Amino acid sequence: MAKLRKIKRNLKSNRRYQDDYQLLSSQNPEYLKIFPFGKPFKCLNNWDEQGGVVGGHYFHQDLLVARIIFSEKPSCHIDVGSRIDGFVAHVASFREIEVFDIRPLDRDIAGIKFVQFNLMDELPDSFVACCDSLSCLHALEHFGLGRYGDPVAWNGHLVGLSNLTKMLKSGGTLYLSVPLGEQRIEFNAHRVFSAKYLLECVQSDFEVGTCSVVDDAGALHMNVSLDSKLLDNNFDCDYGCIILQLTKR
């Protein structure tokens, strides 16, 4: 049934494409001497789309955390492994941001100081307590799975979290997000964390400020209650996203 609907939609879209082509061709033939038709570049699925994608893990976490950082105005903000073309770009539009990533970045970008570093390695003294604000958004789940050239290690997420903790000054803020659902490894893409396990991982070194969740439908729920029943059920998520704002003790 879904395949039949797709075929019907494609046929309808092609008819509209041909009609629009004929209409433009006939409107002003002289103008086509200035703008002649080139190679066809068919776009058949945009007529009934919305103006943009407003939802999902990255859209909500990037915007939410960038807004908080804008409001908080930390002295030094460092990001580890988040998307350059998402969250990092948001922050770089209004302040300087330092970025740590295991992958190289082969160009300079205004407002972004880049450091290539594997956060599963031993942390140099110069990186210890080096910032009062730190983010790691949708990145920790990859540590130790080898996807980005990092060494395969069952405890990669724990090593990474330990180093994140060391990088942050006492009283500093860590913004942390990971996939949320029944705990599992979907090798070699990522880990999915249960809410209870993630909170257990951070409770010895951090106080939880706020917790927000992007559900399976891509909607954001801000400042959710850490009620035990919600935690037990991972906020009804199979593959959601949990976003924690944490203060280092």
Foldseek 3Di string as FASTA:
>chain_A
DVVVVVVVLQVVLVVVVVVVVVVVCPPDVVCCVVVPDDDDDDDRPDPPDDPDDCFDQQNVLLVVVLVVCVVVVWPAEEEEDDDCVGNVVSNQVPAAYEYEYCDDDDDDDRRYHYDNDDLLDDDDPCQFQPTQHYEYEAHLFQFQQCPRPHHHDPCRSLSNVVSVLRNHHAQGKYKYKHWEADFDQPPNPGTHDQQVVVCVSCVVFWDWDAKWKQAPVRDIDTRDDPDVVCSVGRVVHHTIMMITIIGTD
